[in-house]
């Protein structure tokens, strides 16, 4: 795996972009003016990702992912097809024009294999090795997207299985759904390192902009396959990665957003609710939990789900 100071052009470009954006954000700027040359360079990144992925030699191996299908990659044609997923231009073939669960799982497995071979992700040198992909219904109407896996997620190789995941399960249950009814994923598919990662233990950190940029094409491809009716962005980092704009959660959640044509509801991350519950001010904790529930009611309305009077007055 390339070191953090790798000369890989994509890694260097993403690090430079992240540095510029962080600098402008610290100056209080919400927007950044780009020259035509800079715009062209950014627009060329997806093609660069695809070309780099296609340069990776295809190998014969089998993987069983959370999508539940064993897939073998043994020829350049398969590698090329999955490489297009990383470029955000993933085009999938339908059988008789019907989107079936088997078809969706097969496409998600292809994306999983592309994540596994993601040269741009590895070149950053700031992400750990274990892939944490996604779980749930591959044809779900609602998709929950977080930022990156933590220690427990890395251990179980599934997103949202730690304490924050248990809180998310509670929220989903209050909506009248189960985890098997929804699709759950993260923008970044690897746990971010702290330092060089050797002594990280259970300590976690949020992904930075370069790490999100290296993986954003995968979540875009997942959305293309699942075709949810609503996306719920869990936390400010996930919202920033998806919407490519900053701002506080309190401001973002008051607006309706879109990603790839799909409505996006922004809400607080479940881990934020857990931190609030441990604080002395329980009235504030209740107020924050109520806000999250209001966001879920908004998602349910967008989905056309029936909402009972009990649910309308529910507090998490």
Protein backbone atom coordinates (compact mmCIF):
# COMPACT_ATOMS: atom_id res chain seq x y z
CA UNK A 1 0.00 0.00 0.00
CA UNK A 2 1.47 3.40 -0.93
CA UNK A 3 2.60 5.57 1.93
CA UNK A 4 0.84 8.77 2.88
CA UNK A 5 3.46 10.79 0.97
CA UNK A 6 2.85 8.79 -2.20
CA UNK A 7 3.46 10.56 -5.52
CA UNK A 8 0.28 9.01 -6.90
CA UNK A 9 -1.26 11.87 -8.95
CA UNK A 10 -4.83 11.29 -7.79
CA UNK A 11 -3.81 11.17 -4.13
CA UNK A 12 -1.73 14.30 -4.49
CA UNK A 13 -4.53 16.11 -6.28
CA UNK A 14 -7.10 15.17 -3.66
CA UNK A 15 -4.80 16.22 -0.83
CA UNK A 16 -4.18 19.57 -2.50
CA UNK A 17 -7.90 20.10 -3.09
CA UNK A 18 -8.67 19.20 0.53
CA UNK A 19 -6.03 21.66 1.75
CA UNK A 20 -7.47 24.48 -0.36
CA UNK A 21 -11.02 23.84 0.77
CA UNK A 22 -10.06 23.60 4.44
CA UNK A 23 -8.16 26.88 4.14
CA UNK A 24 -11.09 28.67 2.55
CA UNK A 25 -13.51 27.22 5.10
CA UNK A 26 -11.32 28.48 7.96
CA UNK A 27 -11.54 31.93 6.40
CA UNK A 28 -15.31 31.79 6.60
CA UNK A 29 -15.92 31.32 2.86
CA UNK A 30 -18.90 29.20 1.82
CA UNK A 31 -18.07 29.26 -1.91
CA UNK A 32 -14.81 28.99 -3.84
CA UNK A 33 -14.25 30.58 -7.25
CA UNK A 34 -12.60 28.22 -9.71
CA UNK A 35 -10.69 29.04 -12.86
CA UNK A 36 -11.66 27.25 -16.09
CA UNK A 37 -8.45 25.22 -15.79
CA UNK A 38 -9.32 24.11 -12.25
CA UNK A 39 -12.85 23.21 -13.32
CA UNK A 40 -11.51 21.09 -16.18
CA UNK A 41 -9.08 19.34 -13.83
CA UNK A 42 -11.83 18.46 -11.35
CA UNK A 43 -14.14 17.23 -14.08
CA UNK A 44 -11.39 14.92 -15.35
CA UNK A 45 -11.04 13.12 -12.00
CA UNK A 46 -13.80 10.53 -12.63
CA UNK A 47 -12.16 9.55 -15.92
CA UNK A 48 -8.81 9.33 -14.15
CA UNK A 49 -10.33 7.06 -11.49
CA UNK A 50 -11.74 4.79 -14.17
CA UNK A 51 -8.48 4.63 -16.11
CA UNK A 52 -6.50 3.84 -12.97
CA UNK A 53 -8.95 1.12 -12.00
CA UNK A 54 -8.81 -0.42 -15.46
CA UNK A 55 -5.01 -0.50 -15.26
CA UNK A 56 -5.28 -2.78 -12.21
CA UNK A 57 -4.68 -6.36 -13.40
CA UNK A 58 -7.76 -8.53 -13.19
CA UNK A 59 -7.36 -11.53 -10.94
CA UNK A 60 -9.40 -14.60 -10.34
CA UNK A 61 -10.91 -14.45 -6.86
CA UNK A 62 -14.22 -14.87 -5.10
CA UNK A 63 -15.82 -12.57 -2.57
CA UNK A 64 -19.10 -12.85 -0.71
CA UNK A 65 -20.30 -9.38 0.21
CA UNK A 66 -23.14 -8.06 2.32
CA UNK A 67 -25.14 -8.08 -0.91
CA UNK A 68 -25.11 -11.85 -0.45
CA UNK A 69 -23.86 -13.03 -3.85
CA UNK A 70 -20.53 -14.68 -4.58
CA UNK A 71 -18.91 -13.01 -7.57
CA UNK A 72 -15.82 -14.05 -9.50
CA UNK A 73 -13.65 -11.58 -11.41
CA UNK A 74 -11.45 -13.37 -13.92
CA UNK A 75 -11.26 -11.31 -17.09
CA UNK A 76 -10.59 -7.74 -18.26
CA UNK A 77 -14.18 -7.30 -19.39
CA UNK A 78 -15.47 -7.79 -15.85
CA UNK A 79 -12.79 -5.48 -14.48
CA UNK A 80 -13.73 -2.83 -17.03
CA UNK A 81 -17.42 -3.07 -16.16
CA UNK A 82 -16.75 -2.63 -12.46
CA UNK A 83 -14.27 0.16 -13.16
CA UNK A 84 -17.04 2.22 -14.67
CA UNK A 85 -18.75 2.12 -11.27
CA UNK A 86 -15.82 3.95 -9.74
CA UNK A 87 -16.10 6.60 -12.42
CA UNK A 88 -19.66 7.35 -11.40
CA UNK A 89 -20.88 6.28 -14.85
CA UNK A 90 -21.86 2.78 -13.86
CA UNK A 91 -24.32 1.44 -16.44
CA UNK A 92 -26.01 -1.81 -15.54
CA UNK A 93 -27.85 -4.14 -17.88
CA UNK A 94 -31.37 -5.19 -17.01
CA UNK A 95 -32.82 -8.56 -17.92
CA UNK A 96 -36.12 -8.05 -19.74
CA UNK A 97 -36.16 -4.51 -18.35
CA UNK A 98 -36.98 -5.63 -14.79
CA UNK A 99 -35.07 -4.58 -11.69
CA UNK A 100 -34.98 -7.67 -9.48
CA UNK A 101 -33.32 -8.23 -6.13
CA UNK A 102 -30.95 -10.78 -7.68
CA UNK A 103 -29.94 -8.26 -10.34
CA UNK A 104 -29.36 -5.51 -7.75
CA UNK A 105 -27.24 -7.76 -5.54
CA UNK A 106 -25.11 -8.72 -8.52
CA UNK A 107 -24.49 -5.06 -9.39
CA UNK A 108 -23.67 -4.20 -5.77
CA UNK A 109 -21.19 -7.06 -5.66
CA UNK A 110 -19.46 -5.57 -8.69
CA UNK A 111 -19.22 -2.24 -6.90
CA UNK A 112 -17.84 -4.02 -3.83
CA UNK A 113 -15.08 -5.55 -5.93
CA UNK A 114 -14.25 -2.16 -7.36
CA UNK A 115 -14.00 -0.74 -3.83
CA UNK A 116 -11.62 -3.56 -3.02
CA UNK A 117 -9.39 -2.57 -5.92
CA UNK A 118 -9.70 1.20 -5.38
CA UNK A 119 -6.20 2.48 -6.08
CA UNK A 120 -7.12 6.08 -5.30
CA UNK A 121 -8.40 5.08 -1.83
CA UNK A 122 -5.26 3.11 -1.01
CA UNK A 123 -2.95 5.78 -2.38
CA UNK A 124 -4.11 8.28 0.23
CA UNK A 125 -2.40 6.22 2.92
CA UNK A 126 -4.91 7.44 5.51
CA UNK A 127 -7.49 4.64 5.34
CA UNK A 128 -7.33 1.23 6.96
CA UNK A 129 -7.49 -2.02 4.97
CA UNK A 130 -10.83 -3.61 5.91
CA UNK A 131 -13.76 -2.89 3.59
CA UNK A 132 -17.07 -2.01 5.23
CA UNK A 133 -19.52 -1.90 2.36
CA UNK A 134 -23.29 -1.85 2.95
CA UNK A 135 -26.21 -3.83 4.30
CA UNK A 136 -29.96 -4.09 3.90
CA UNK A 137 -32.47 -4.23 1.08
CA UNK A 138 -30.85 -3.67 -2.35
CA UNK A 139 -34.17 -2.33 -3.68
CA UNK A 140 -35.04 -0.21 -0.64
CA UNK A 141 -37.13 2.94 -0.89
CA UNK A 142 -35.01 4.69 1.72
CA UNK A 143 -31.21 4.76 1.99
CA UNK A 144 -29.36 5.85 5.13
CA UNK A 145 -25.86 7.17 4.48
CA UNK A 146 -23.26 7.86 7.14
CA UNK A 147 -19.71 9.13 6.95
CA UNK A 148 -17.30 6.22 7.58
CA UNK A 149 -17.10 3.00 9.62
CA UNK A 150 -15.77 2.91 13.16
CA UNK A 151 -13.99 0.22 15.15
CA UNK A 152 -17.03 -2.01 15.69
CA UNK A 153 -18.10 -1.68 12.05
CA UNK A 154 -14.59 -2.59 10.93
CA UNK A 155 -14.67 -5.64 13.21
CA UNK A 156 -18.03 -6.90 11.91
CA UNK A 157 -17.53 -5.57 8.35
CA UNK A 158 -21.00 -4.01 8.39
CA UNK A 159 -22.06 -0.37 8.72
CA UNK A 160 -23.81 0.97 11.83
CA UNK A 161 -23.51 -2.03 14.14
CA UNK A 162 -21.99 -0.27 17.16
CA UNK A 163 -23.84 1.90 19.70
CA UNK A 164 -24.73 4.46 17.01
CA UNK A 165 -26.03 1.60 14.88
CA UNK A 166 -28.27 0.44 17.70
CA UNK A 167 -29.70 3.96 17.95
CA UNK A 168 -30.26 3.95 14.17
CA UNK A 169 -32.07 0.61 14.47
CA UNK A 170 -34.35 2.22 17.09
CA UNK A 171 -35.08 5.13 14.75
CA UNK A 172 -35.85 2.80 11.84
CA UNK A 173 -38.13 0.74 14.08
CA UNK A 174 -40.05 3.85 15.14
CA UNK A 175 -40.71 4.48 11.45
CA UNK A 176 -42.42 1.09 11.25
CA UNK A 177 -39.52 -0.45 9.34
CA UNK A 178 -36.68 -2.87 10.04
CA UNK A 179 -33.06 -2.83 8.93
CA UNK A 180 -33.99 -5.44 6.33
CA UNK A 181 -36.37 -2.91 4.76
CA UNK A 182 -33.79 -0.15 4.25
CA UNK A 183 -30.33 0.19 2.71
CA UNK A 184 -27.49 1.39 4.95
CA UNK A 185 -24.10 2.55 3.72
CA UNK A 186 -21.30 5.08 4.27
CA UNK A 187 -19.60 7.50 1.92
CA UNK A 188 -16.15 6.22 2.90
CA UNK A 189 -15.83 2.44 2.83
CA UNK A 190 -12.76 2.12 5.05
CA UNK A 191 -12.17 3.21 8.63
CA UNK A 192 -10.02 6.37 8.68
CA UNK A 193 -6.68 6.02 10.42
CA UNK A 194 -5.55 8.03 13.41
CA UNK A 195 -1.83 8.55 12.97
CA UNK A 196 -0.43 5.55 11.17
CA UNK A 197 -3.21 3.34 12.55
CA UNK A 198 -0.95 0.93 14.42
CA UNK A 199 -2.03 1.99 17.91
CA UNK A 200 -5.49 3.25 17.06
CA UNK A 201 -7.45 0.77 19.14
CA UNK A 202 -11.13 1.68 19.25
CA UNK A 203 -10.50 5.37 18.57
CA UNK A 204 -12.25 6.77 15.49
CA UNK A 205 -12.18 9.97 13.47
CA UNK A 206 -14.28 11.58 10.78
CA UNK A 207 -13.12 11.23 7.17
CA UNK A 208 -11.57 14.27 5.54
CA UNK A 209 -12.53 15.75 2.18
CA UNK A 210 -9.85 13.88 0.23
CA UNK A 211 -11.04 10.55 1.66
CA UNK A 212 -14.66 11.32 0.80
CA UNK A 213 -13.69 12.45 -2.69
CA UNK A 214 -11.86 9.17 -3.31
CA UNK A 215 -15.01 7.16 -2.47
CA UNK A 216 -17.92 9.36 -3.54
CA UNK A 217 -18.27 7.60 -6.90
CA UNK A 218 -19.07 4.34 -5.12
CA UNK A 219 -22.03 5.73 -3.18
CA UNK A 220 -23.21 7.35 -6.40
CA UNK A 221 -23.09 3.93 -8.06
CA UNK A 222 -24.96 2.34 -5.14
CA UNK A 223 -27.69 4.97 -5.46
CA UNK A 224 -27.92 4.22 -9.18
CA UNK A 225 -28.50 0.54 -8.45
CA UNK A 226 -30.79 0.80 -5.41
CA UNK A 227 -32.72 3.80 -6.78
CA UNK A 228 -34.13 4.86 -3.41
CA UNK A 229 -37.01 7.31 -3.23
CA UNK A 230 -35.38 9.15 -0.30
CA UNK A 231 -31.83 9.43 1.06
CA UNK A 232 -31.23 10.25 4.72
CA UNK A 233 -27.81 11.84 5.33
CA UNK A 234 -26.70 11.05 8.87
CA UNK A 235 -24.58 13.89 10.24
CA UNK A 236 -22.80 16.94 8.93
CA UNK A 237 -19.88 15.07 7.38
CA UNK A 238 -22.16 12.80 5.35
CA UNK A 239 -24.24 15.80 4.27
CA UNK A 240 -21.13 17.73 3.26
CA UNK A 241 -19.79 14.77 1.29
CA UNK A 242 -23.04 14.16 -0.55
CA UNK A 243 -24.15 17.74 -1.14
CA UNK A 244 -20.68 19.25 -1.59
CA UNK A 245 -21.57 22.19 0.63
CA UNK A 246 -20.87 23.15 4.19
CA UNK A 247 -23.17 24.47 6.86
CA UNK A 248 -24.56 23.51 10.23
CA UNK A 249 -26.92 20.59 10.62
CA UNK A 250 -29.52 22.93 12.09
CA UNK A 251 -29.49 24.93 8.85
CA UNK A 252 -29.18 22.00 6.43
CA UNK A 253 -32.01 20.00 7.98
CA UNK A 254 -34.47 22.83 7.40
CA UNK A 255 -34.01 22.49 3.64
CA UNK A 256 -34.79 19.76 1.13
CA UNK A 257 -31.81 18.72 -0.94
CA UNK A 258 -31.14 16.38 -3.85
CA UNK A 259 -28.35 14.02 -4.81
CA UNK A 260 -28.40 12.47 -8.27
CA UNK A 261 -32.06 13.46 -8.52
CA UNK A 262 -33.04 11.79 -5.23
CA UNK A 263 -34.47 13.88 -2.34
CA UNK A 264 -32.05 14.09 0.59
CA UNK A 265 -33.16 14.64 4.20
CA UNK A 266 -30.32 15.80 6.45
CA UNK A 267 -30.40 14.93 10.14
CA UNK A 268 -28.11 14.50 13.14
CA UNK A 269 -25.87 11.46 13.36
CA UNK A 270 -27.06 8.81 15.86
CA UNK A 271 -23.77 9.17 17.75
CA UNK A 272 -24.66 12.83 18.38
CA UNK A 273 -27.88 11.72 20.05
CA UNK A 274 -25.92 9.28 22.22
CA UNK A 275 -23.60 12.08 23.35
CA UNK A 276 -26.59 14.28 24.13
CA UNK A 277 -28.15 11.51 26.24
CA UNK A 278 -25.02 11.38 28.39
CA UNK A 279 -25.12 15.13 29.10
CA UNK A 280 -26.70 16.58 32.28
CA UNK A 281 -29.16 18.73 30.31
CA UNK A 282 -31.76 16.12 29.44
CA UNK A 283 -34.22 18.72 28.15
CA UNK A 284 -31.74 19.61 25.43
CA UNK A 285 -31.24 15.93 24.68
CA UNK A 286 -35.00 15.48 24.27
CA UNK A 287 -35.18 18.51 21.98
CA UNK A 288 -32.44 17.11 19.75
CA UNK A 289 -34.09 13.70 19.59
CA UNK A 290 -37.35 15.38 18.65
CA UNK A 291 -35.61 17.17 15.79
CA UNK A 292 -34.29 13.89 14.44
CA UNK A 293 -37.76 12.40 14.65
CA UNK A 294 -39.19 15.39 12.77
CA UNK A 295 -36.65 14.68 10.02
CA UNK A 296 -37.80 11.05 9.90
CA UNK A 297 -41.42 12.18 9.63
CA UNK A 298 -40.37 14.35 6.69
CA UNK A 299 -38.74 11.31 5.06
CA UNK A 300 -41.86 9.22 5.69
CA UNK A 301 -44.03 11.91 4.08
CA UNK A 302 -41.75 11.94 1.03
CA UNK A 303 -42.03 8.15 0.85
CA UNK A 304 -45.81 8.33 1.05
CA UNK A 305 -45.79 6.17 4.19
CA UNK A 306 -48.82 6.34 6.47
CA UNK A 307 -48.04 8.18 9.71
CA UNK A 308 -50.20 7.50 12.75
CA UNK A 309 -51.11 10.08 15.37
CA UNK A 310 -48.93 8.12 17.80
CA UNK A 311 -45.99 8.47 15.44
CA UNK A 312 -46.66 12.19 14.95
CA UNK A 313 -46.32 12.74 18.68
CA UNK A 314 -43.49 10.27 19.20
CA UNK A 315 -40.19 11.16 20.86
CA UNK A 316 -37.14 8.96 20.38
